[in-house]
Amino acid sequence: MTGKLLPENGKVGENVKFDRIRRITGYLVGTTDRFNDAKRAEEKDRVKHTLS
């Protein structure tokens, strides 16, 4: 791959910020700060999956 260099530490994506986007009740949202209590409760009760 010519023209593409790795950072000095060799880690791609190091110190790259990103926003988490989720689909809740049919809407793409970044934060739940505008949700009512019912939608916040639904999000809280969901099963959280992790990478292991």
PDB file of N, CA and C in Angstrom:
ATOM      1  N   MET A   1       0.852  -1.171   0.000  1.00  0.00           N
ATOM      2  CA  MET A   1       0.000   0.000   0.000  1.00  0.00           C
ATOM      3  C   MET A   1       0.897   1.232   0.000  1.00  0.00           C
ATOM      4  N   THR A   2       1.125   1.775  -1.107  1.00  0.00           N
ATOM      5  CA  THR A   2       1.983   2.934  -1.195  1.00  0.00           C
ATOM      6  C   THR A   2       1.238   4.194  -0.808  1.00  0.00           C
ATOM      7  N   GLY A   3       1.963   5.109  -0.163  1.00  0.00           N
ATOM      8  CA  GLY A   3       1.370   6.383   0.201  1.00  0.00           C
ATOM      9  C   GLY A   3       0.661   6.382   1.539  1.00  0.00           C
ATOM     10  N   LYS A   4       0.512   5.241   2.186  1.00  0.00           N
ATOM     11  CA  LYS A   4      -0.158   5.187   3.484  1.00  0.00           C
ATOM     12  C   LYS A   4       0.863   4.818   4.543  1.00  0.00           C
ATOM     13  N   LEU A   5       0.987   5.668   5.546  1.00  0.00           N
ATOM     14  CA  LEU A   5       1.948   5.436   6.605  1.00  0.00           C
ATOM     15  C   LEU A   5       1.234   5.185   7.922  1.00  0.00           C
ATOM     16  N   LEU A   6       1.778   4.308   8.713  1.00  0.00           N
ATOM     17  CA  LEU A   6       1.260   4.078  10.058  1.00  0.00           C
ATOM     18  C   LEU A   6       1.798   5.156  10.988  1.00  0.00           C
ATOM     19  N   PRO A   7       1.082   5.457  12.066  1.00  0.00           N
ATOM     20  CA  PRO A   7       1.622   6.372  13.060  1.00  0.00           C
ATOM     21  C   PRO A   7       2.910   5.800  13.653  1.00  0.00           C
ATOM     22  N   GLU A   8       3.660   6.638  14.336  1.00  0.00           N
ATOM     23  CA  GLU A   8       4.933   6.204  14.904  1.00  0.00           C
ATOM     24  C   GLU A   8       4.780   5.011  15.842  1.00  0.00           C
ATOM     25  N   ASN A   9       3.686   4.968  16.602  1.00  0.00           N
ATOM     26  CA  ASN A   9       3.490   3.856  17.537  1.00  0.00           C
ATOM     27  C   ASN A   9       2.916   2.618  16.859  1.00  0.00           C
ATOM     28  N   GLY A  10       2.561   2.720  15.585  1.00  0.00           N
ATOM     29  CA  GLY A  10       2.068   1.571  14.843  1.00  0.00           C
ATOM     30  C   GLY A  10       0.618   1.210  15.103  1.00  0.00           C
ATOM     31  N   LYS A  11      -0.096   2.044  15.894  1.00  0.00           N
ATOM     32  CA  LYS A  11      -1.491   1.755  16.222  1.00  0.00           C
ATOM     33  C   LYS A  11      -2.414   2.632  15.388  1.00  0.00           C
ATOM     34  N   VAL A  12      -3.200   2.011  14.558  1.00  0.00           N
ATOM     35  CA  VAL A  12      -4.151   2.740  13.727  1.00  0.00           C
ATOM     36  C   VAL A  12      -5.366   3.099  14.570  1.00  0.00           C
ATOM     37  N   GLY A  13      -5.819   4.341  14.466  1.00  0.00           N
ATOM     38  CA  GLY A  13      -7.002   4.772  15.200  1.00  0.00           C
ATOM     39  C   GLY A  13      -6.720   5.278  16.595  1.00  0.00           C
ATOM     40  N   GLU A  14      -5.484   5.329  16.992  1.00  0.00           N
ATOM     41  CA  GLU A  14      -5.118   5.834  18.317  1.00  0.00           C
ATOM     42  C   GLU A  14      -5.480   7.314  18.404  1.00  0.00           C
ATOM     43  N   ASN A  15      -6.113   7.714  19.493  1.00  0.00           N
ATOM     44  CA  ASN A  15      -6.500   9.113  19.756  1.00  0.00           C
ATOM     45  C   ASN A  15      -7.485   9.672  18.732  1.00  0.00           C
ATOM     46  N   VAL A  16      -8.307   8.822  18.131  1.00  0.00           N
ATOM     47  CA  VAL A  16      -9.344   9.272  17.207  1.00  0.00           C
ATOM     48  C   VAL A  16     -10.659   9.302  17.964  1.00  0.00           C
ATOM     49  N   LYS A  17     -11.306  10.462  17.990  1.00  0.00           N
ATOM     50  CA  LYS A  17     -12.585  10.584  18.696  1.00  0.00           C
ATOM     51  C   LYS A  17     -13.731  10.182  17.775  1.00  0.00           C
ATOM     52  N   PHE A  18     -14.756   9.585  18.337  1.00  0.00           N
ATOM     53  CA  PHE A  18     -15.940   9.242  17.566  1.00  0.00           C
ATOM     54  C   PHE A  18     -17.151   9.309  18.480  1.00  0.00           C
ATOM     55  N   ASP A  19     -18.309   9.504  17.888  1.00  0.00           N
ATOM     56  CA  ASP A  19     -19.570   9.531  18.620  1.00  0.00           C
ATOM     57  C   ASP A  19     -20.276   8.207  18.430  1.00  0.00           C
ATOM     58  N   ARG A  20     -20.853   7.706  19.501  1.00  0.00           N
ATOM     59  CA  ARG A  20     -21.618   6.467  19.407  1.00  0.00           C
ATOM     60  C   ARG A  20     -23.029   6.806  18.949  1.00  0.00           C
ATOM     61  N   ILE A  21     -23.470   6.161  17.900  1.00  0.00           N
ATOM     62  CA  ILE A  21     -24.819   6.347  17.378  1.00  0.00           C
ATOM     63  C   ILE A  21     -25.584   5.055  17.612  1.00  0.00           C
ATOM     64  N   ARG A  22     -26.768   5.191  18.196  1.00  0.00           N
ATOM     65  CA  ARG A  22     -27.605   4.014  18.453  1.00  0.00           C
ATOM     66  C   ARG A  22     -28.968   4.218  17.818  1.00  0.00           C
ATOM     67  N   ARG A  23     -29.609   3.102  17.495  1.00  0.00           N
ATOM     68  CA  ARG A  23     -30.981   3.174  16.981  1.00  0.00           C
ATOM     69  C   ARG A  23     -31.897   2.749  18.107  1.00  0.00           C
ATOM     70  N   ILE A  24     -32.644   3.697  18.635  1.00  0.00           N
ATOM     71  CA  ILE A  24     -33.577   3.412  19.727  1.00  0.00           C
ATOM     72  C   ILE A  24     -34.965   3.829  19.269  1.00  0.00           C
ATOM     73  N   THR A  25     -35.898   2.925  19.376  1.00  0.00           N
ATOM     74  CA  THR A  25     -37.292   3.119  18.964  1.00  0.00           C
ATOM     75  C   THR A  25     -37.389   3.722  17.560  1.00  0.00           C
ATOM     76  N   GLY A  26     -36.517   3.262  16.667  1.00  0.00           N
ATOM     77  CA  GLY A  26     -36.590   3.668  15.279  1.00  0.00           C
ATOM     78  C   GLY A  26     -35.838   4.934  14.935  1.00  0.00           C
ATOM     79  N   TYR A  27     -35.226   5.584  15.904  1.00  0.00           N
ATOM     80  CA  TYR A  27     -34.504   6.825  15.647  1.00  0.00           C
ATOM     81  C   TYR A  27     -33.019   6.640  15.884  1.00  0.00           C
ATOM     82  N   LEU A  28     -32.193   7.276  15.055  1.00  0.00           N
ATOM     83  CA  LEU A  28     -30.756   7.274  15.272  1.00  0.00           C
ATOM     84  C   LEU A  28     -30.431   8.418  16.221  1.00  0.00           C
ATOM     85  N   VAL A  29     -29.819   8.092  17.347  1.00  0.00           N
ATOM     86  CA  VAL A  29     -29.525   9.109  18.360  1.00  0.00           C
ATOM     87  C   VAL A  29     -28.093   8.968  18.833  1.00  0.00           C
ATOM     88  N   GLY A  30     -27.506  10.070  19.227  1.00  0.00           N
ATOM     89  CA  GLY A  30     -26.174  10.067  19.809  1.00  0.00           C
ATOM     90  C   GLY A  30     -26.256  10.129  21.325  1.00  0.00           C
ATOM     91  N   THR A  31     -27.214  10.885  21.842  1.00  0.00           N
ATOM     92  CA  THR A  31     -27.401  10.988  23.294  1.00  0.00           C
ATOM     93  C   THR A  31     -28.872  10.803  23.613  1.00  0.00           C
ATOM     94  N   THR A  32     -29.148  10.481  24.851  1.00  0.00           N
ATOM     95  CA  THR A  32     -30.536  10.275  25.278  1.00  0.00           C
ATOM     96  C   THR A  32     -31.023  11.429  26.152  1.00  0.00           C
ATOM     97  N   ASP A  33     -30.342  12.562  26.104  1.00  0.00           N
ATOM     98  CA  ASP A  33     -30.703  13.661  26.995  1.00  0.00           C
ATOM     99  C   ASP A  33     -32.067  14.271  26.691  1.00  0.00           C
ATOM    100  N   ARG A  34     -32.597  14.053  25.487  1.00  0.00           N
ATOM    101  CA  ARG A  34     -33.919  14.603  25.152  1.00  0.00           C
ATOM    102  C   ARG A  34     -35.026  13.555  25.264  1.00  0.00           C
ATOM    103  N   PHE A  35     -34.710  12.363  25.729  1.00  0.00           N
ATOM    104  CA  PHE A  35     -35.710  11.303  25.867  1.00  0.00           C
ATOM    105  C   PHE A  35     -36.585  11.538  27.090  1.00  0.00           C
ATOM    106  N   ASN A  36     -37.833  11.072  26.984  1.00  0.00           N
ATOM    107  CA  ASN A  36     -38.697  11.103  28.160  1.00  0.00           C
ATOM    108  C   ASN A  36     -38.371   9.905  29.056  1.00  0.00           C
ATOM    109  N   ASP A  37     -39.010   9.838  30.215  1.00  0.00           N
ATOM    110  CA  ASP A  37     -38.696   8.787  31.194  1.00  0.00           C
ATOM    111  C   ASP A  37     -38.928   7.384  30.642  1.00  0.00           C
ATOM    112  N   ALA A  38     -39.955   7.196  29.828  1.00  0.00           N
ATOM    113  CA  ALA A  38     -40.268   5.866  29.301  1.00  0.00           C
ATOM    114  C   ALA A  38     -39.170   5.381  28.350  1.00  0.00           C
ATOM    115  N   LYS A  39     -38.703   6.259  27.467  1.00  0.00           N
ATOM    116  CA  LYS A  39     -37.643   5.856  26.543  1.00  0.00           C
ATOM    117  C   LYS A  39     -36.331   5.622  27.281  1.00  0.00           C
ATOM    118  N   ARG A  40     -36.049   6.421  28.299  1.00  0.00           N
ATOM    119  CA  ARG A  40     -34.830   6.207  29.092  1.00  0.00           C
ATOM    120  C   ARG A  40     -34.896   4.877  29.829  1.00  0.00           C
ATOM    121  N   ALA A  41     -36.071   4.521  30.341  1.00  0.00           N
ATOM    122  CA  ALA A  41     -36.233   3.249  31.035  1.00  0.00           C
ATOM    123  C   ALA A  41     -36.053   2.085  30.063  1.00  0.00           C
ATOM    124  N   GLU A  42     -36.571   2.232  28.848  1.00  0.00           N
ATOM    125  CA  GLU A  42     -36.408   1.177  27.843  1.00  0.00           C
ATOM    126  C   GLU A  42     -34.923   0.960  27.540  1.00  0.00           C
ATOM    127  N   GLU A  43     -34.190   2.025  27.349  1.00  0.00           N
ATOM    128  CA  GLU A  43     -32.763   1.917  27.043  1.00  0.00           C
ATOM    129  C   GLU A  43     -32.009   1.297  28.212  1.00  0.00           C
ATOM    130  N   LYS A  44     -32.378   1.655  29.426  1.00  0.00           N
ATOM    131  CA  LYS A  44     -31.722   1.122  30.628  1.00  0.00           C
ATOM    132  C   LYS A  44     -31.970  -0.379  30.784  1.00  0.00           C
ATOM    133  N   ASP A  45     -33.154  -0.845  30.410  1.00  0.00           N
ATOM    134  CA  ASP A  45     -33.536  -2.249  30.585  1.00  0.00           C
ATOM    135  C   ASP A  45     -32.990  -3.164  29.499  1.00  0.00           C
ATOM    136  N   ARG A  46     -32.406  -2.631  28.454  1.00  0.00           N
ATOM    137  CA  ARG A  46     -31.889  -3.461  27.363  1.00  0.00           C
ATOM    138  C   ARG A  46     -30.670  -4.257  27.796  1.00  0.00           C
ATOM    139  N   VAL A  47     -30.476  -5.379  27.149  1.00  0.00           N
ATOM    140  CA  VAL A  47     -29.308  -6.223  27.399  1.00  0.00           C
ATOM    141  C   VAL A  47     -28.111  -5.574  26.746  1.00  0.00           C
ATOM    142  N   LYS A  48     -27.038  -5.404  27.511  1.00  0.00           N
ATOM    143  CA  LYS A  48     -25.806  -4.811  26.986  1.00  0.00           C
ATOM    144  C   LYS A  48     -24.885  -5.924  26.533  1.00  0.00           C
ATOM    145  N   HIS A  49     -24.408  -5.867  25.299  1.00  0.00           N
ATOM    146  CA  HIS A  49     -23.484  -6.845  24.756  1.00  0.00           C
ATOM    147  C   HIS A  49     -22.091  -6.274  24.776  1.00  0.00           C
ATOM    148  N   THR A  50     -21.118  -7.103  25.088  1.00  0.00           N
ATOM    149  CA  THR A  50     -19.725  -6.654  25.106  1.00  0.00           C
ATOM    150  C   THR A  50     -18.883  -7.546  24.210  1.00  0.00           C
ATOM    151  N   LEU A  51     -17.750  -7.039  23.824  1.00  0.00           N
ATOM    152  CA  LEU A  51     -16.795  -7.833  23.066  1.00  0.00           C
ATOM    153  C   LEU A  51     -15.870  -8.506  24.059  1.00  0.00           C
ATOM    154  N   SER A  52     -15.737  -9.795  23.971  1.00  0.00           N
ATOM    155  CA  SER A  52     -14.841 -10.480  24.916  1.00  0.00           C
ATOM    156  C   SER A  52     -13.970 -11.480  24.219  1.00  0.00           C
TER     157      SER A  52
END
